[in-house]
Each structure stands twice: as structure tokens, then as C-alpha cells.
Amino acid sequence: MSIKHNLRWYLFRFYASAFIVLGLRQRAIATFDEMLLQYPNDPYVLSSLAYLKTEQGDKQGAIADYKKVVQCSDAPAYSWYNLGFLQEELGQIEDAEHSFRKALNLDEKMDLAWYGLGLTLIQQRRFDEAIKALKKNTQLQPMSPYGWYQLARVYVDRQEPEEVVKIIRHLKDFEPKFAKQLERETGLTV
């Protein structure tokens, strides 16, 4: 990339960022669209567009942009995660599972991808695999109640109340609201 070429790219980026800061999302999108004409398939531009489209509720458009990003050989794990997150939200469960697994192949310590993978496996009623994914999530993020909550829900579905009770007890130590919610939902009290 030449210096002139590089400077122009950073100038576009500066303007788009300024529009975002000023709350001018449409101007930012237009700037990124113009930037994309000059720098086709630029991962930064595509990711930025996907983010803005997600904010505006255009999840299908965001998915299309993330799919272009992940086609790059050096696509980062978080791009795969973002793609999987949107796919899961739109009910594209098998595609989401694939995206979360790709993210984890690139970064096995990405706790959010383990959580997303767990959600997709739950929806496919693959509870044994979901438990493994959610346990990995809780190992990486032990103070987040979300993985614990979903793990308890899987144990409820598997009719393993003793495991649910262990999780409720654990949650009472740092997230009593979640523990109470599980007690209400399951009828199990600790």
C-alpha cells in the first residue's frame, strides 16, 4: 500500500469514526460504503459496516458482511464469533454452531464463543455436548452467571436436580438474583 493510498484509507476511517461519535450513523455507513468501493473486501470496513448494520437492526446485512470478512484467511476469531452470534439470534442454529467452532479453533479461550456454542447445542438438544461447552465457558468466566444459568437449565432438561442444586448454591455466593430465579423456575430450594 502506497503512502498516499494509506493516508486516504486513514482519512476515510477518521471521517467515519467522527460521524459515529457525532451520532451520524447513516453518514458513517455512507463513508464506509464509499471506502469499500476503493478498498473492496477490506476486513476493517466490512466489520465496521456489519457492526453499524447490527445496531440498526439489519442483521441479515450484517451477516452478509461478516461472511465476507471470514472468507479472508486471516479473519480473527471475534469475526467468527460475531457472525455466529447473529446467526444464532436469527435461528440459523447449524450455521451459528459452525461459526462458533471456527472462532474456537482460532481462540480456544474465547469464553463468549463457548457460551454461544452451548446455546446452539441446547437448541439442537445435544445436551452432553452443551454441558461440555458451558462448563468450558464457566471455567473461563467463573463469575458470569449466564453460563451457570444455562448449565442449570440443561440439567433441568436432563432431570438431574442434584446438579441444579449445586449450581444454585454456587450462584448464591456471587449472583443471588440468578440463584433465586433458578429456584423459582425449578421449584428447587437451597
Protein backbone atom coordinates (compact mmCIF):
# COMPACT_ATOMS: atom_id res chain seq x y z
CA MET A 1 0.00 0.00 0.00
CA SER A 2 1.48 3.34 -1.01
CA ILE A 3 1.76 6.22 1.45
CA LYS A 4 -0.87 8.20 -0.48
CA HIS A 5 -3.13 5.15 -0.58
CA ASN A 6 -2.57 4.52 3.12
CA LEU A 7 -3.25 8.16 4.05
CA ARG A 8 -6.54 8.15 2.11
CA TRP A 9 -7.64 4.97 3.92
CA TYR A 10 -6.93 6.53 7.32
CA LEU A 11 -8.70 9.74 6.32
CA PHE A 12 -11.82 7.75 5.39
CA ARG A 13 -11.57 5.90 8.69
CA PHE A 14 -11.22 9.17 10.59
CA TYR A 15 -14.34 10.64 8.96
CA ALA A 16 -16.39 7.50 9.51
CA SER A 17 -15.33 7.37 13.16
CA ALA A 18 -16.14 11.07 13.62
CA PHE A 19 -19.62 10.50 12.17
CA ILE A 20 -20.16 7.63 14.61
CA VAL A 21 -19.06 9.76 17.56
CA LEU A 22 -21.42 12.54 16.43
CA GLY A 23 -24.29 10.06 16.16
CA LEU A 24 -24.49 10.35 12.38
CA ARG A 25 -24.76 6.61 11.69
CA GLN A 26 -26.08 7.00 8.14
CA ARG A 27 -23.17 9.28 7.21
CA ALA A 28 -20.77 6.75 8.72
CA ILE A 29 -22.35 3.95 6.69
CA ALA A 30 -22.16 6.05 3.53
CA THR A 31 -18.48 6.75 4.24
CA PHE A 32 -17.74 3.07 4.80
CA ASP A 33 -19.67 2.20 1.61
CA GLU A 34 -17.56 4.70 -0.33
CA MET A 35 -14.45 3.32 1.32
CA LEU A 36 -15.46 -0.19 0.29
CA LEU A 37 -15.61 0.91 -3.35
CA GLN A 38 -11.96 1.92 -3.17
CA TYR A 39 -10.86 -0.91 -0.86
CA PRO A 40 -13.01 -3.93 -1.76
CA ASN A 41 -13.27 -6.66 0.86
CA ASP A 42 -11.31 -4.66 3.43
CA PRO A 43 -11.94 -6.53 6.70
CA TYR A 44 -12.00 -3.37 8.83
CA VAL A 45 -14.55 -1.71 6.57
CA LEU A 46 -16.74 -4.81 6.32
CA SER A 47 -16.63 -5.37 10.09
CA SER A 48 -17.49 -1.73 10.72
CA LEU A 49 -20.42 -1.91 8.31
CA ALA A 50 -21.60 -5.14 9.92
CA TYR A 51 -21.49 -3.52 13.35
CA LEU A 52 -23.46 -0.48 12.21
CA LYS A 53 -25.99 -2.64 10.40
CA THR A 54 -26.44 -4.72 13.54
CA GLU A 55 -27.08 -1.57 15.55
CA GLN A 56 -29.74 -0.53 13.04
CA GLY A 57 -31.43 -3.92 13.09
CA ASP A 58 -30.22 -5.09 9.67
CA LYS A 59 -28.93 -8.41 10.95
CA GLN A 60 -29.10 -10.13 7.54
CA GLY A 61 -26.97 -7.34 6.06
CA ALA A 62 -24.53 -7.68 8.96
CA ILE A 63 -24.32 -11.45 8.44
CA ALA A 64 -23.55 -10.90 4.75
CA ASP A 65 -20.72 -8.52 5.66
CA TYR A 66 -19.29 -10.84 8.33
CA LYS A 67 -19.38 -13.71 5.85
CA LYS A 68 -17.13 -11.65 3.57
CA VAL A 69 -14.78 -10.90 6.48
CA VAL A 70 -14.39 -14.55 7.47
CA GLN A 71 -13.53 -15.50 3.90
CA CYS A 72 -10.18 -13.80 4.47
CA SER A 73 -7.52 -16.28 5.50
CA ASP A 74 -6.51 -14.11 8.46
CA ALA A 75 -10.03 -13.48 9.77
CA PRO A 76 -9.88 -13.03 13.55
CA ALA A 77 -11.79 -15.21 15.98
CA TYR A 78 -14.05 -12.35 17.02
CA SER A 79 -15.35 -12.01 13.43
CA TRP A 80 -16.40 -15.65 13.51
CA TYR A 81 -17.95 -15.09 16.94
CA ASN A 82 -19.89 -12.02 15.76
CA LEU A 83 -21.16 -13.98 12.76
CA GLY A 84 -22.23 -16.87 14.99
CA PHE A 85 -23.93 -14.52 17.45
CA LEU A 86 -26.09 -13.02 14.70
CA GLN A 87 -26.81 -16.40 13.13
CA GLU A 88 -27.94 -17.76 16.48
CA GLU A 89 -30.18 -14.73 17.05
CA LEU A 90 -31.84 -15.32 13.67
CA GLY A 91 -32.35 -19.03 14.30
CA GLN A 92 -29.63 -20.19 11.89
CA ILE A 93 -28.52 -22.69 14.51
CA GLU A 94 -26.32 -25.06 12.48
CA ASP A 95 -24.57 -22.12 10.81
CA ALA A 96 -24.06 -20.49 14.21
CA GLU A 97 -22.58 -23.68 15.61
CA HIS A 98 -20.12 -23.78 12.71
CA SER A 99 -19.14 -20.14 13.25
CA PHE A 100 -18.63 -20.58 17.00
CA ARG A 101 -16.49 -23.67 16.36
CA LYS A 102 -14.38 -21.71 13.85
CA ALA A 103 -13.91 -18.95 16.45
CA LEU A 104 -12.81 -21.54 18.99
CA ASN A 105 -10.38 -23.12 16.54
CA LEU A 106 -8.70 -19.71 16.37
CA ASP A 107 -9.00 -18.87 20.07
CA GLU A 108 -9.94 -21.70 22.39
CA LYS A 109 -10.11 -19.27 25.33
CA MET A 110 -12.91 -17.18 23.87
CA ASP A 111 -15.47 -17.63 26.61
CA LEU A 112 -18.27 -15.98 24.63
CA ALA A 113 -17.84 -18.47 21.78
CA TRP A 114 -18.09 -21.36 24.25
CA TYR A 115 -21.29 -19.83 25.59
CA GLY A 116 -22.72 -19.33 22.09
CA LEU A 117 -21.77 -22.87 21.15
CA GLY A 118 -23.53 -24.11 24.27
CA LEU A 119 -26.70 -22.24 23.30
CA THR A 120 -26.70 -23.71 19.80
CA LEU A 121 -26.17 -27.21 21.15
CA ILE A 122 -29.02 -26.77 23.63
CA GLN A 123 -31.32 -25.76 20.80
CA GLN A 124 -30.31 -28.91 18.94
CA ARG A 125 -30.98 -30.92 22.12
CA ARG A 126 -27.37 -32.14 22.14
CA PHE A 127 -27.16 -31.83 25.90
CA ASP A 128 -23.94 -33.78 26.53
CA GLU A 129 -22.03 -31.51 24.17
CA ALA A 130 -23.80 -28.43 25.54
CA ILE A 131 -22.68 -29.32 29.07
CA LYS A 132 -19.06 -29.57 27.91
CA ALA A 133 -19.25 -26.20 26.13
CA LEU A 134 -20.96 -24.46 29.05
CA LYS A 135 -18.51 -25.94 31.56
CA LYS A 136 -15.68 -24.56 29.47
CA ASN A 137 -17.43 -21.17 29.45
CA THR A 138 -17.78 -21.21 33.25
CA GLN A 139 -14.14 -22.19 33.67
CA LEU A 140 -13.06 -19.24 31.57
CA GLN A 141 -15.62 -16.83 33.05
CA PRO A 142 -16.45 -18.19 36.53
CA MET A 143 -18.10 -15.01 37.81
CA SER A 144 -20.52 -14.62 34.91
CA PRO A 145 -23.92 -16.04 35.83
CA TYR A 146 -25.08 -16.68 32.25
CA GLY A 147 -23.13 -19.86 31.61
CA TRP A 148 -24.06 -21.20 35.02
CA TYR A 149 -27.73 -20.41 34.42
CA GLN A 150 -27.78 -22.17 31.04
CA LEU A 151 -25.89 -25.11 32.50
CA ALA A 152 -28.54 -25.42 35.22
CA ARG A 153 -31.28 -25.31 32.56
CA VAL A 154 -29.61 -28.22 30.73
CA TYR A 155 -29.50 -30.22 33.97
CA VAL A 156 -33.21 -29.47 34.47
CA ASP A 157 -33.92 -30.82 30.97
CA ARG A 158 -31.86 -33.91 31.78
CA GLN A 159 -33.74 -34.32 35.08
CA GLU A 160 -30.61 -34.03 37.21
CA PRO A 161 -31.83 -31.88 40.14
CA GLU A 162 -28.75 -32.54 42.27
CA GLU A 163 -26.59 -30.74 39.67
CA VAL A 164 -29.05 -27.84 39.56
CA VAL A 165 -28.89 -27.54 43.35
CA LYS A 166 -25.07 -27.37 43.19
CA ILE A 167 -25.29 -24.52 40.67
CA ILE A 168 -27.92 -22.65 42.71
CA ARG A 169 -25.69 -22.96 45.78
CA HIS A 170 -22.72 -21.68 43.76
CA LEU A 171 -24.69 -18.75 42.32
CA LYS A 172 -25.89 -17.68 45.77
CA ASP A 173 -22.29 -16.76 46.59
CA PHE A 174 -21.99 -14.10 43.88
CA GLU A 175 -25.25 -13.74 41.93
CA PRO A 176 -28.16 -14.26 44.31
CA LYS A 177 -30.68 -12.88 41.80
CA PHE A 178 -29.86 -15.67 39.35
CA ALA A 179 -29.98 -18.23 42.15
CA LYS A 180 -33.45 -17.01 43.18
CA GLN A 181 -34.62 -17.08 39.57
CA LEU A 182 -33.49 -20.69 39.21
CA GLU A 183 -35.20 -21.58 42.48
CA ARG A 184 -38.45 -20.05 41.22
CA GLU A 185 -38.21 -21.71 37.81
CA THR A 186 -37.23 -25.15 39.05
CA GLY A 187 -39.01 -25.33 42.39
CA LEU A 188 -35.69 -26.40 43.94
CA THR A 189 -34.58 -24.51 47.02
CA VAL A 190 -31.24 -24.47 48.74
